[in-house]
């Protein structure tokens, strides 16, 4: 995964709740990963999800803290706060396409390979 991120000139920003930062922790253990990580956020409370990721309280109340809709909003919040993907304060179309392609490429796998 580090090789992919570096090859694509992507810096990773994670937003984790139940995993408490485990994804970014495991990635950070790999050589060269410092060049591929922007940030890792572990957010549990509704206040942290709202403050740090812009997840709306109404969405949390409607779906609860750990449902897919909230996780998706957390992911968008992490992307929106990662300067690597921003262009005039918005996620650029090119970055959005690279993100979609990366998710599509790994969606069918049971585990995400961390080593390149």
PDB file of N, CA and C in Angstrom:
ATOM      1  N   UNK A   1       0.816  -1.186   0.000  1.00  0.00           N
ATOM      2  CA  UNK A   1       0.000   0.000   0.000  1.00  0.00           C
ATOM      3  C   UNK A   1       0.867   1.261   0.000  1.00  0.00           C
ATOM      4  N   UNK A   2       1.968   1.245   0.734  1.00  0.00           N
ATOM      5  CA  UNK A   2       2.853   2.417   0.753  1.00  0.00           C
ATOM      6  C   UNK A   2       3.341   2.713  -0.657  1.00  0.00           C
ATOM      7  N   UNK A   3       3.744   1.687  -1.387  1.00  0.00           N
ATOM      8  CA  UNK A   3       4.198   1.875  -2.757  1.00  0.00           C
ATOM      9  C   UNK A   3       3.128   2.492  -3.633  1.00  0.00           C
ATOM     10  N   UNK A   4       1.904   2.024  -3.504  1.00  0.00           N
ATOM     11  CA  UNK A   4       0.797   2.574  -4.281  1.00  0.00           C
ATOM     12  C   UNK A   4       0.601   4.050  -3.959  1.00  0.00           C
ATOM     13  N   UNK A   5       0.560   4.388  -2.670  1.00  0.00           N
ATOM     14  CA  UNK A   5       0.354   5.776  -2.268  1.00  0.00           C
ATOM     15  C   UNK A   5       1.466   6.674  -2.795  1.00  0.00           C
ATOM     16  N   UNK A   6       2.710   6.220  -2.687  1.00  0.00           N
ATOM     17  CA  UNK A   6       3.833   7.020  -3.168  1.00  0.00           C
ATOM     18  C   UNK A   6       3.809   7.148  -4.688  1.00  0.00           C
ATOM     19  N   UNK A   7       3.527   6.039  -5.386  1.00  0.00           N
ATOM     20  CA  UNK A   7       3.472   6.080  -6.851  1.00  0.00           C
ATOM     21  C   UNK A   7       2.401   7.039  -7.353  1.00  0.00           C
ATOM     22  N   UNK A   8       1.274   7.082  -6.649  1.00  0.00           N
ATOM     23  CA  UNK A   8       0.156   7.938  -7.049  1.00  0.00           C
ATOM     24  C   UNK A   8       0.254   9.345  -6.452  1.00  0.00           C
ATOM     25  N   UNK A   9       1.311   9.580  -5.672  1.00  0.00           N
ATOM     26  CA  UNK A   9       1.507  10.873  -4.996  1.00  0.00           C
ATOM     27  C   UNK A   9       0.298  11.232  -4.141  1.00  0.00           C
ATOM     28  N   UNK A  10      -0.162  10.243  -3.395  1.00  0.00           N
ATOM     29  CA  UNK A  10      -1.304  10.409  -2.502  1.00  0.00           C
ATOM     30  C   UNK A  10      -0.805  10.359  -1.066  1.00  0.00           C
ATOM     31  N   UNK A  11      -1.293  11.275  -0.254  1.00  0.00           N
ATOM     32  CA  UNK A  11      -1.043  11.235   1.184  1.00  0.00           C
ATOM     33  C   UNK A  11      -2.324  10.776   1.852  1.00  0.00           C
ATOM     34  N   UNK A  12      -2.202   9.810   2.714  1.00  0.00           N
ATOM     35  CA  UNK A  12      -3.359   9.198   3.357  1.00  0.00           C
ATOM     36  C   UNK A  12      -3.796   9.986   4.583  1.00  0.00           C
ATOM     37  N   UNK A  13      -5.082  10.170   4.707  1.00  0.00           N
ATOM     38  CA  UNK A  13      -5.698  10.717   5.913  1.00  0.00           C
ATOM     39  C   UNK A  13      -6.742   9.707   6.345  1.00  0.00           C
ATOM     40  N   UNK A  14      -6.657   9.252   7.577  1.00  0.00           N
ATOM     41  CA  UNK A  14      -7.637   8.287   8.059  1.00  0.00           C
ATOM     42  C   UNK A  14      -8.538   8.920   9.101  1.00  0.00           C
ATOM     43  N   UNK A  15      -9.749   8.435   9.166  1.00  0.00           N
ATOM     44  CA  UNK A  15     -10.706   8.815  10.202  1.00  0.00           C
ATOM     45  C   UNK A  15     -11.267   7.508  10.744  1.00  0.00           C
ATOM     46  N   UNK A  16     -10.886   7.175  11.952  1.00  0.00           N
ATOM     47  CA  UNK A  16     -11.269   5.893  12.535  1.00  0.00           C
ATOM     48  C   UNK A  16     -12.041   6.115  13.826  1.00  0.00           C
ATOM     49  N   UNK A  17     -12.926   5.195  14.117  1.00  0.00           N
ATOM     50  CA  UNK A  17     -13.696   5.255  15.351  1.00  0.00           C
ATOM     51  C   UNK A  17     -13.473   3.961  16.119  1.00  0.00           C
ATOM     52  N   UNK A  18     -14.162   2.913  15.759  1.00  0.00           N
ATOM     53  CA  UNK A  18     -14.056   1.643  16.478  1.00  0.00           C
ATOM     54  C   UNK A  18     -12.640   1.053  16.442  1.00  0.00           C
ATOM     55  N   UNK A  19     -11.904   1.324  15.396  1.00  0.00           N
ATOM     56  CA  UNK A  19     -10.551   0.779  15.264  1.00  0.00           C
ATOM     57  C   UNK A  19      -9.512   1.614  16.001  1.00  0.00           C
ATOM     58  N   UNK A  20      -9.892   2.765  16.515  1.00  0.00           N
ATOM     59  CA  UNK A  20      -9.052   3.598  17.388  1.00  0.00           C
ATOM     60  C   UNK A  20      -7.682   3.921  16.799  1.00  0.00           C
ATOM     61  N   UNK A  21      -7.613   4.088  15.496  1.00  0.00           N
ATOM     62  CA  UNK A  21      -6.343   4.453  14.867  1.00  0.00           C
ATOM     63  C   UNK A  21      -5.486   3.275  14.451  1.00  0.00           C
ATOM     64  N   UNK A  22      -6.030   2.073  14.503  1.00  0.00           N
ATOM     65  CA  UNK A  22      -5.254   0.872  14.176  1.00  0.00           C
ATOM     66  C   UNK A  22      -4.746   0.887  12.736  1.00  0.00           C
ATOM     67  N   UNK A  23      -5.558   1.351  11.807  1.00  0.00           N
ATOM     68  CA  UNK A  23      -5.140   1.366  10.403  1.00  0.00           C
ATOM     69  C   UNK A  23      -3.901   2.223  10.210  1.00  0.00           C
ATOM     70  N   UNK A  24      -3.923   3.450  10.694  1.00  0.00           N
ATOM     71  CA  UNK A  24      -2.773   4.332  10.507  1.00  0.00           C
ATOM     72  C   UNK A  24      -1.580   3.846  11.340  1.00  0.00           C
ATOM     73  N   UNK A  25      -1.838   3.237  12.486  1.00  0.00           N
ATOM     74  CA  UNK A  25      -0.762   2.662  13.298  1.00  0.00           C
ATOM     75  C   UNK A  25      -0.022   1.581  12.521  1.00  0.00           C
ATOM     76  N   UNK A  26      -0.776   0.659  11.927  1.00  0.00           N
ATOM     77  CA  UNK A  26      -0.153  -0.437  11.168  1.00  0.00           C
ATOM     78  C   UNK A  26       0.595   0.096   9.956  1.00  0.00           C
ATOM     79  N   UNK A  27       0.028   1.051   9.264  1.00  0.00           N
ATOM     80  CA  UNK A  27       0.685   1.631   8.100  1.00  0.00           C
ATOM     81  C   UNK A  27       1.970   2.356   8.500  1.00  0.00           C
ATOM     82  N   UNK A  28       1.928   3.071   9.618  1.00  0.00           N
ATOM     83  CA  UNK A  28       3.088   3.841  10.073  1.00  0.00           C
ATOM     84  C   UNK A  28       4.275   2.950  10.435  1.00  0.00           C
ATOM     85  N   UNK A  29       4.037   1.696  10.691  1.00  0.00           N
ATOM     86  CA  UNK A  29       5.130   0.767  11.011  1.00  0.00           C
ATOM     87  C   UNK A  29       5.958   0.395   9.791  1.00  0.00           C
ATOM     88  N   UNK A  30       5.464   0.650   8.591  1.00  0.00           N
ATOM     89  CA  UNK A  30       6.143   0.245   7.369  1.00  0.00           C
ATOM     90  C   UNK A  30       7.174   1.283   6.938  1.00  0.00           C
ATOM     91  N   UNK A  31       8.316   0.819   6.439  1.00  0.00           N
ATOM     92  CA  UNK A  31       9.340   1.754   5.956  1.00  0.00           C
ATOM     93  C   UNK A  31       8.799   2.641   4.834  1.00  0.00           C
ATOM     94  N   UNK A  32       9.107   3.913   4.907  1.00  0.00           N
ATOM     95  CA  UNK A  32       8.687   4.861   3.882  1.00  0.00           C
ATOM     96  C   UNK A  32       7.301   5.422   4.070  1.00  0.00           C
ATOM     97  N   UNK A  33       6.577   4.919   5.064  1.00  0.00           N
ATOM     98  CA  UNK A  33       5.183   5.336   5.225  1.00  0.00           C
ATOM     99  C   UNK A  33       5.039   6.793   5.647  1.00  0.00           C
ATOM    100  N   UNK A  34       6.054   7.359   6.267  1.00  0.00           N
ATOM    101  CA  UNK A  34       5.977   8.754   6.681  1.00  0.00           C
ATOM    102  C   UNK A  34       5.749   9.704   5.526  1.00  0.00           C
ATOM    103  N   UNK A  35       6.177   9.300   4.345  1.00  0.00           N
ATOM    104  CA  UNK A  35       5.959  10.124   3.151  1.00  0.00           C
ATOM    105  C   UNK A  35       4.563   9.926   2.573  1.00  0.00           C
ATOM    106  N   UNK A  36       3.828   8.941   3.082  1.00  0.00           N
ATOM    107  CA  UNK A  36       2.518   8.621   2.525  1.00  0.00           C
ATOM    108  C   UNK A  36       1.370   8.917   3.484  1.00  0.00           C
ATOM    109  N   UNK A  37       1.671   9.389   4.680  1.00  0.00           N
ATOM    110  CA  UNK A  37       0.626   9.661   5.677  1.00  0.00           C
ATOM    111  C   UNK A  37       0.550  11.155   5.946  1.00  0.00           C
ATOM    112  N   UNK A  38      -0.656  11.703   5.840  1.00  0.00           N
ATOM    113  CA  UNK A  38      -0.889  13.087   6.234  1.00  0.00           C
ATOM    114  C   UNK A  38      -1.311  13.121   7.693  1.00  0.00           C
ATOM    115  N   UNK A  39      -2.358  12.346   8.036  1.00  0.00           N
ATOM    116  CA  UNK A  39      -2.842  12.345   9.415  1.00  0.00           C
ATOM    117  C   UNK A  39      -3.675  11.105   9.674  1.00  0.00           C
ATOM    118  N   UNK A  40      -3.842  10.822  10.948  1.00  0.00           N
ATOM    119  CA  UNK A  40      -4.725   9.756  11.392  1.00  0.00           C
ATOM    120  C   UNK A  40      -5.549  10.257  12.560  1.00  0.00           C
ATOM    121  N   UNK A  41      -6.852  10.252  12.393  1.00  0.00           N
ATOM    122  CA  UNK A  41      -7.745  10.732  13.441  1.00  0.00           C
ATOM    123  C   UNK A  41      -8.537   9.568  14.017  1.00  0.00           C
ATOM    124  N   UNK A  42      -8.548   9.470  15.344  1.00  0.00           N
ATOM    125  CA  UNK A  42      -9.400   8.513  16.044  1.00  0.00           C
ATOM    126  C   UNK A  42     -10.469   9.336  16.744  1.00  0.00           C
ATOM    127  N   UNK A  43     -11.683   9.261  16.265  1.00  0.00           N
ATOM    128  CA  UNK A  43     -12.773  10.088  16.789  1.00  0.00           C
ATOM    129  C   UNK A  43     -13.911   9.185  17.264  1.00  0.00           C
ATOM    130  N   UNK A  44     -14.256   9.294  18.524  1.00  0.00           N
ATOM    131  CA  UNK A  44     -15.316   8.472  19.100  1.00  0.00           C
ATOM    132  C   UNK A  44     -16.609   9.244  19.297  1.00  0.00           C
ATOM    133  N   UNK A  45     -16.526  10.338  19.984  1.00  0.00           N
ATOM    134  CA  UNK A  45     -17.736  11.046  20.411  1.00  0.00           C
ATOM    135  C   UNK A  45     -18.399  11.787  19.255  1.00  0.00           C
ATOM    136  N   UNK A  46     -19.692  12.046  19.398  1.00  0.00           N
ATOM    137  CA  UNK A  46     -20.365  12.861  18.388  1.00  0.00           C
ATOM    138  C   UNK A  46     -19.702  14.235  18.256  1.00  0.00           C
ATOM    139  N   UNK A  47     -19.258  14.795  19.367  1.00  0.00           N
ATOM    140  CA  UNK A  47     -18.617  16.105  19.338  1.00  0.00           C
ATOM    141  C   UNK A  47     -17.329  16.066  18.518  1.00  0.00           C
ATOM    142  N   UNK A  48     -16.524  15.032  18.694  1.00  0.00           N
ATOM    143  CA  UNK A  48     -15.270  14.906  17.933  1.00  0.00           C
ATOM    144  C   UNK A  48     -15.553  14.676  16.454  1.00  0.00           C
ATOM    145  N   UNK A  49     -16.534  13.850  16.157  1.00  0.00           N
ATOM    146  CA  UNK A  49     -16.890  13.603  14.761  1.00  0.00           C
ATOM    147  C   UNK A  49     -17.348  14.897  14.091  1.00  0.00           C
ATOM    148  N   UNK A  50     -18.114  15.709  14.817  1.00  0.00           N
ATOM    149  CA  UNK A  50     -18.589  16.976  14.286  1.00  0.00           C
ATOM    150  C   UNK A  50     -17.461  17.992  14.193  1.00  0.00           C
ATOM    151  N   UNK A  51     -16.717  18.163  15.256  1.00  0.00           N
ATOM    152  CA  UNK A  51     -15.659  19.181  15.327  1.00  0.00           C
ATOM    153  C   UNK A  51     -14.516  18.891  14.356  1.00  0.00           C
ATOM    154  N   UNK A  52     -14.031  17.657  14.333  1.00  0.00           N
ATOM    155  CA  UNK A  52     -12.832  17.328  13.569  1.00  0.00           C
ATOM    156  C   UNK A  52     -13.109  16.896  12.136  1.00  0.00           C
ATOM    157  N   UNK A  53     -14.325  16.406  11.869  1.00  0.00           N
ATOM    158  CA  UNK A  53     -14.618  15.867  10.545  1.00  0.00           C
ATOM    159  C   UNK A  53     -15.848  16.486   9.894  1.00  0.00           C
ATOM    160  N   UNK A  54     -16.555  17.337  10.613  1.00  0.00           N
ATOM    161  CA  UNK A  54     -17.728  17.985  10.039  1.00  0.00           C
ATOM    162  C   UNK A  54     -18.938  17.087   9.891  1.00  0.00           C
ATOM    163  N   UNK A  55     -18.979  15.977  10.630  1.00  0.00           N
ATOM    164  CA  UNK A  55     -20.141  15.086  10.570  1.00  0.00           C
ATOM    165  C   UNK A  55     -21.283  15.754  11.331  1.00  0.00           C
ATOM    166  N   UNK A  56     -22.420  15.876  10.681  1.00  0.00           N
ATOM    167  CA  UNK A  56     -23.558  16.556  11.287  1.00  0.00           C
ATOM    168  C   UNK A  56     -24.185  15.764  12.425  1.00  0.00           C
ATOM    169  N   UNK A  57     -24.592  16.490  13.463  1.00  0.00           N
ATOM    170  CA  UNK A  57     -25.256  15.842  14.601  1.00  0.00           C
ATOM    171  C   UNK A  57     -26.542  15.151  14.172  1.00  0.00           C
ATOM    172  N   UNK A  58     -27.259  15.735  13.228  1.00  0.00           N
ATOM    173  CA  UNK A  58     -28.508  15.127  12.761  1.00  0.00           C
ATOM    174  C   UNK A  58     -28.253  13.772  12.117  1.00  0.00           C
ATOM    175  N   UNK A  59     -27.163  13.679  11.336  1.00  0.00           N
ATOM    176  CA  UNK A  59     -26.810  12.405  10.704  1.00  0.00           C
ATOM    177  C   UNK A  59     -26.487  11.359  11.768  1.00  0.00           C
ATOM    178  N   UNK A  60     -25.738  11.762  12.777  1.00  0.00           N
ATOM    179  CA  UNK A  60     -25.375  10.841  13.861  1.00  0.00           C
ATOM    180  C   UNK A  60     -26.625  10.387  14.609  1.00  0.00           C
ATOM    181  N   UNK A  61     -27.510  11.314  14.917  1.00  0.00           N
ATOM    182  CA  UNK A  61     -28.744  10.967  15.623  1.00  0.00           C
ATOM    183  C   UNK A  61     -29.623  10.031  14.803  1.00  0.00           C
ATOM    184  N   UNK A  62     -29.648  10.240  13.494  1.00  0.00           N
ATOM    185  CA  UNK A  62     -30.482   9.419  12.615  1.00  0.00           C
ATOM    186  C   UNK A  62     -29.918   8.018  12.450  1.00  0.00           C
ATOM    187  N   UNK A  63     -28.586   7.880  12.373  1.00  0.00           N
ATOM    188  CA  UNK A  63     -27.986   6.588  12.023  1.00  0.00           C
ATOM    189  C   UNK A  63     -27.180   5.939  13.139  1.00  0.00           C
ATOM    190  N   UNK A  64     -26.839   6.625  14.183  1.00  0.00           N
ATOM    191  CA  UNK A  64     -25.965   6.211  15.283  1.00  0.00           C
ATOM    192  C   UNK A  64     -24.499   6.391  14.890  1.00  0.00           C
ATOM    193  N   UNK A  65     -23.629   6.267  15.860  1.00  0.00           N
ATOM    194  CA  UNK A  65     -22.215   6.601  15.670  1.00  0.00           C
ATOM    195  C   UNK A  65     -21.458   5.684  14.724  1.00  0.00           C
ATOM    196  N   UNK A  66     -21.891   4.437  14.580  1.00  0.00           N
ATOM    197  CA  UNK A  66     -21.062   3.459  13.866  1.00  0.00           C
ATOM    198  C   UNK A  66     -21.680   2.924  12.577  1.00  0.00           C
ATOM    199  N   UNK A  67     -22.681   3.565  12.072  1.00  0.00           N
ATOM    200  CA  UNK A  67     -23.317   3.100  10.841  1.00  0.00           C
ATOM    201  C   UNK A  67     -22.583   3.602   9.600  1.00  0.00           C
ATOM    202  N   UNK A  68     -22.863   2.980   8.474  1.00  0.00           N
ATOM    203  CA  UNK A  68     -22.181   3.286   7.217  1.00  0.00           C
ATOM    204  C   UNK A  68     -22.305   4.751   6.814  1.00  0.00           C
ATOM    205  N   UNK A  69     -23.465   5.342   6.983  1.00  0.00           N
ATOM    206  CA  UNK A  69     -23.649   6.739   6.582  1.00  0.00           C
ATOM    207  C   UNK A  69     -22.718   7.666   7.364  1.00  0.00           C
ATOM    208  N   UNK A  70     -22.524   7.381   8.643  1.00  0.00           N
ATOM    209  CA  UNK A  70     -21.626   8.193   9.472  1.00  0.00           C
ATOM    210  C   UNK A  70     -20.178   7.922   9.076  1.00  0.00           C
ATOM    211  N   UNK A  71     -19.842   6.668   8.826  1.00  0.00           N
ATOM    212  CA  UNK A  71     -18.482   6.330   8.393  1.00  0.00           C
ATOM    213  C   UNK A  71     -18.148   7.017   7.068  1.00  0.00           C
ATOM    214  N   UNK A  72     -19.100   7.056   6.157  1.00  0.00           N
ATOM    215  CA  UNK A  72     -18.883   7.732   4.878  1.00  0.00           C
ATOM    216  C   UNK A  72     -18.660   9.230   5.091  1.00  0.00           C
ATOM    217  N   UNK A  73     -19.462   9.838   5.961  1.00  0.00           N
ATOM    218  CA  UNK A  73     -19.281  11.264   6.252  1.00  0.00           C
ATOM    219  C   UNK A  73     -17.928  11.511   6.907  1.00  0.00           C
ATOM    220  N   UNK A  74     -17.480  10.575   7.747  1.00  0.00           N
ATOM    221  CA  UNK A  74     -16.158  10.693   8.358  1.00  0.00           C
ATOM    222  C   UNK A  74     -15.071  10.645   7.294  1.00  0.00           C
ATOM    223  N   UNK A  75     -15.216   9.748   6.334  1.00  0.00           N
ATOM    224  CA  UNK A  75     -14.222   9.634   5.261  1.00  0.00           C
ATOM    225  C   UNK A  75     -14.156  10.927   4.450  1.00  0.00           C
ATOM    226  N   UNK A  76     -15.312  11.469   4.111  1.00  0.00           N
ATOM    227  CA  UNK A  76     -15.318  12.735   3.370  1.00  0.00           C
ATOM    228  C   UNK A  76     -14.713  13.862   4.200  1.00  0.00           C
ATOM    229  N   UNK A  77     -14.959  13.851   5.499  1.00  0.00           N
ATOM    230  CA  UNK A  77     -14.366  14.855   6.374  1.00  0.00           C
ATOM    231  C   UNK A  77     -12.852  14.763   6.402  1.00  0.00           C
ATOM    232  N   UNK A  78     -12.332  13.540   6.442  1.00  0.00           N
ATOM    233  CA  UNK A  78     -10.880  13.352   6.424  1.00  0.00           C
ATOM    234  C   UNK A  78     -10.294  13.818   5.099  1.00  0.00           C
ATOM    235  N   UNK A  79     -10.955  13.492   4.010  1.00  0.00           N
ATOM    236  CA  UNK A  79     -10.482  13.909   2.685  1.00  0.00           C
ATOM    237  C   UNK A  79     -10.519  15.434   2.568  1.00  0.00           C
ATOM    238  N   UNK A  80     -11.599  16.035   3.029  1.00  0.00           N
ATOM    239  CA  UNK A  80     -11.746  17.482   2.906  1.00  0.00           C
ATOM    240  C   UNK A  80     -10.707  18.240   3.725  1.00  0.00           C
ATOM    241  N   UNK A  81     -10.178  17.604   4.772  1.00  0.00           N
ATOM    242  CA  UNK A  81      -9.178  18.251   5.611  1.00  0.00           C
ATOM    243  C   UNK A  81      -7.755  17.858   5.245  1.00  0.00           C
ATOM    244  N   UNK A  82      -7.584  17.114   4.165  1.00  0.00           N
ATOM    245  CA  UNK A  82      -6.267  16.672   3.739  1.00  0.00           C
ATOM    246  C   UNK A  82      -5.847  17.529   2.550  1.00  0.00           C
ATOM    247  N   UNK A  83      -4.877  18.407   2.757  1.00  0.00           N
ATOM    248  CA  UNK A  83      -4.450  19.349   1.717  1.00  0.00           C
ATOM    249  C   UNK A  83      -4.010  18.682   0.426  1.00  0.00           C
ATOM    250  N   UNK A  84      -3.573  17.447   0.490  1.00  0.00           N
ATOM    251  CA  UNK A  84      -3.133  16.753  -0.713  1.00  0.00           C
ATOM    252  C   UNK A  84      -4.245  16.688  -1.747  1.00  0.00           C
ATOM    253  N   UNK A  85      -5.492  16.579  -1.313  1.00  0.00           N
ATOM    254  CA  UNK A  85      -6.609  16.419  -2.231  1.00  0.00           C
ATOM    255  C   UNK A  85      -7.358  17.708  -2.517  1.00  0.00           C
ATOM    256  N   UNK A  86      -6.977  18.792  -1.847  1.00  0.00           N
ATOM    257  CA  UNK A  86      -7.762  20.005  -1.974  1.00  0.00           C
ATOM    258  C   UNK A  86      -7.306  20.893  -3.126  1.00  0.00           C
ATOM    259  N   UNK A  87      -8.268  21.462  -3.777  1.00  0.00           N
ATOM    260  CA  UNK A  87      -8.041  22.424  -4.845  1.00  0.00           C
ATOM    261  C   UNK A  87      -9.100  23.503  -4.652  1.00  0.00           C
ATOM    262  N   UNK A  88      -8.678  24.695  -4.243  1.00  0.00           N
ATOM    263  CA  UNK A  88      -9.612  25.778  -3.927  1.00  0.00           C
ATOM    264  C   UNK A  88     -10.622  25.366  -2.859  1.00  0.00           C
ATOM    265  N   UNK A  89     -10.146  24.603  -1.861  1.00  0.00           N
ATOM    266  CA  UNK A  89     -11.016  24.202  -0.765  1.00  0.00           C
ATOM    267  C   UNK A  89     -11.933  23.043  -1.070  1.00  0.00           C
ATOM    268  N   UNK A  90     -11.849  22.477  -2.257  1.00  0.00           N
ATOM    269  CA  UNK A  90     -12.687  21.345  -2.661  1.00  0.00           C
ATOM    270  C   UNK A  90     -11.793  20.176  -3.045  1.00  0.00           C
ATOM    271  N   UNK A  91     -12.330  18.972  -2.959  1.00  0.00           N
ATOM    272  CA  UNK A  91     -11.601  17.810  -3.443  1.00  0.00           C
ATOM    273  C   UNK A  91     -11.579  17.892  -4.966  1.00  0.00           C
ATOM    274  N   UNK A  92     -10.383  17.903  -5.546  1.00  0.00           N
ATOM    275  CA  UNK A  92     -10.283  18.058  -6.994  1.00  0.00           C
ATOM    276  C   UNK A  92     -10.871  16.837  -7.703  1.00  0.00           C
ATOM    277  N   UNK A  93     -11.388  17.015  -8.913  1.00  0.00           N
ATOM    278  CA  UNK A  93     -11.944  15.882  -9.662  1.00  0.00           C
ATOM    279  C   UNK A  93     -10.906  14.778  -9.889  1.00  0.00           C
ATOM    280  N   UNK A  94      -9.658  15.165 -10.133  1.00  0.00           N
ATOM    281  CA  UNK A  94      -8.610  14.170 -10.362  1.00  0.00           C
ATOM    282  C   UNK A  94      -8.362  13.355  -9.092  1.00  0.00           C
ATOM    283  N   UNK A  95      -8.297  14.039  -7.956  1.00  0.00           N
ATOM    284  CA  UNK A  95      -8.078  13.341  -6.691  1.00  0.00           C
ATOM    285  C   UNK A  95      -9.261  12.439  -6.374  1.00  0.00           C
ATOM    286  N   UNK A  96     -10.472  12.948  -6.590  1.00  0.00           N
ATOM    287  CA  UNK A  96     -11.666  12.133  -6.338  1.00  0.00           C
ATOM    288  C   UNK A  96     -11.631  10.857  -7.181  1.00  0.00           C
ATOM    289  N   UNK A  97     -11.238  10.970  -8.450  1.00  0.00           N
ATOM    290  CA  UNK A  97     -11.175   9.803  -9.326  1.00  0.00           C
ATOM    291  C   UNK A  97     -10.106   8.820  -8.848  1.00  0.00           C
ATOM    292  N   UNK A  98      -8.956   9.321  -8.413  1.00  0.00           N
ATOM    293  CA  UNK A  98      -7.894   8.441  -7.905  1.00  0.00           C
ATOM    294  C   UNK A  98      -8.354   7.713  -6.648  1.00  0.00           C
ATOM    295  N   UNK A  99      -9.096   8.403  -5.797  1.00  0.00           N
ATOM    296  CA  UNK A  99      -9.612   7.770  -4.580  1.00  0.00           C
ATOM    297  C   UNK A  99     -10.596   6.667  -4.946  1.00  0.00           C
ATOM    298  N   UNK A 100     -11.514   6.959  -5.853  1.00  0.00           N
ATOM    299  CA  UNK A 100     -12.502   5.964  -6.280  1.00  0.00           C
ATOM    300  C   UNK A 100     -11.811   4.752  -6.885  1.00  0.00           C
ATOM    301  N   UNK A 101     -10.833   4.982  -7.735  1.00  0.00           N
ATOM    302  CA  UNK A 101     -10.110   3.873  -8.359  1.00  0.00           C
ATOM    303  C   UNK A 101      -9.377   3.040  -7.315  1.00  0.00           C
ATOM    304  N   UNK A 102      -8.792   3.689  -6.319  1.00  0.00           N
ATOM    305  CA  UNK A 102      -8.090   2.957  -5.269  1.00  0.00           C
ATOM    306  C   UNK A 102      -9.050   2.090  -4.476  1.00  0.00           C
ATOM    307  N   UNK A 103     -10.236   2.632  -4.137  1.00  0.00           N
ATOM    308  CA  UNK A 103     -11.222   1.842  -3.413  1.00  0.00           C
ATOM    309  C   UNK A 103     -11.738   0.701  -4.273  1.00  0.00           C
ATOM    310  N   UNK A 104     -12.011   0.964  -5.547  1.00  0.00           N
ATOM    311  CA  UNK A 104     -12.495  -0.080  -6.437  1.00  0.00           C
ATOM    312  C   UNK A 104     -11.485  -1.208  -6.573  1.00  0.00           C
ATOM    313  N   UNK A 105     -10.204  -0.855  -6.631  1.00  0.00           N
ATOM    314  CA  UNK A 105      -9.156  -1.861  -6.814  1.00  0.00           C
ATOM    315  C   UNK A 105      -9.021  -2.768  -5.607  1.00  0.00           C
ATOM    316  N   UNK A 106      -9.385  -2.269  -4.433  1.00  0.00           N
ATOM    317  CA  UNK A 106      -9.209  -3.072  -3.222  1.00  0.00           C
ATOM    318  C   UNK A 106     -10.523  -3.596  -2.653  1.00  0.00           C
ATOM    319  N   UNK A 107     -11.641  -3.176  -3.187  1.00  0.00           N
ATOM    320  CA  UNK A 107     -12.940  -3.542  -2.615  1.00  0.00           C
ATOM    321  C   UNK A 107     -13.196  -5.039  -2.616  1.00  0.00           C
ATOM    322  N   UNK A 108     -12.687  -5.751  -3.605  1.00  0.00           N
ATOM    323  CA  UNK A 108     -12.967  -7.181  -3.697  1.00  0.00           C
ATOM    324  C   UNK A 108     -12.033  -8.022  -2.830  1.00  0.00           C
ATOM    325  N   UNK A 109     -11.021  -7.428  -2.239  1.00  0.00           N
ATOM    326  CA  UNK A 109     -10.085  -8.165  -1.391  1.00  0.00           C
ATOM    327  C   UNK A 109     -10.614  -8.265   0.037  1.00  0.00           C
ATOM    328  N   UNK A 110     -10.271  -9.357   0.690  1.00  0.00           N
ATOM    329  CA  UNK A 110     -10.680  -9.510   2.086  1.00  0.00           C
ATOM    330  C   UNK A 110      -9.774  -8.739   3.019  1.00  0.00           C
ATOM    331  N   UNK A 111      -8.523  -8.602   2.648  1.00  0.00           N
ATOM    332  CA  UNK A 111      -7.616  -7.801   3.477  1.00  0.00           C
ATOM    333  C   UNK A 111      -6.805  -6.911   2.565  1.00  0.00           C
ATOM    334  N   UNK A 112      -6.486  -5.740   3.049  1.00  0.00           N
ATOM    335  CA  UNK A 112      -5.741  -4.756   2.282  1.00  0.00           C
ATOM    336  C   UNK A 112      -4.259  -5.008   2.501  1.00  0.00           C
ATOM    337  N   UNK A 113      -3.485  -5.287   1.441  1.00  0.00           N
ATOM    338  CA  UNK A 113      -2.061  -5.533   1.628  1.00  0.00           C
ATOM    339  C   UNK A 113      -1.359  -4.216   1.979  1.00  0.00           C
ATOM    340  N   UNK A 114      -0.665  -4.204   3.111  1.00  0.00           N
ATOM    341  CA  UNK A 114      -0.005  -2.989   3.559  1.00  0.00           C
ATOM    342  C   UNK A 114       1.382  -2.841   2.965  1.00  0.00           C
ATOM    343  N   UNK A 115       2.038  -3.926   2.649  1.00  0.00           N
ATOM    344  CA  UNK A 115       3.389  -3.833   2.091  1.00  0.00           C
ATOM    345  C   UNK A 115       3.322  -3.733   0.579  1.00  0.00           C
ATOM    346  N   UNK A 116       4.245  -2.973   0.020  1.00  0.00           N
ATOM    347  CA  UNK A 116       4.250  -2.832  -1.441  1.00  0.00           C
ATOM    348  C   UNK A 116       5.077  -3.934  -2.072  1.00  0.00           C
TER     349      UNK A 116
END
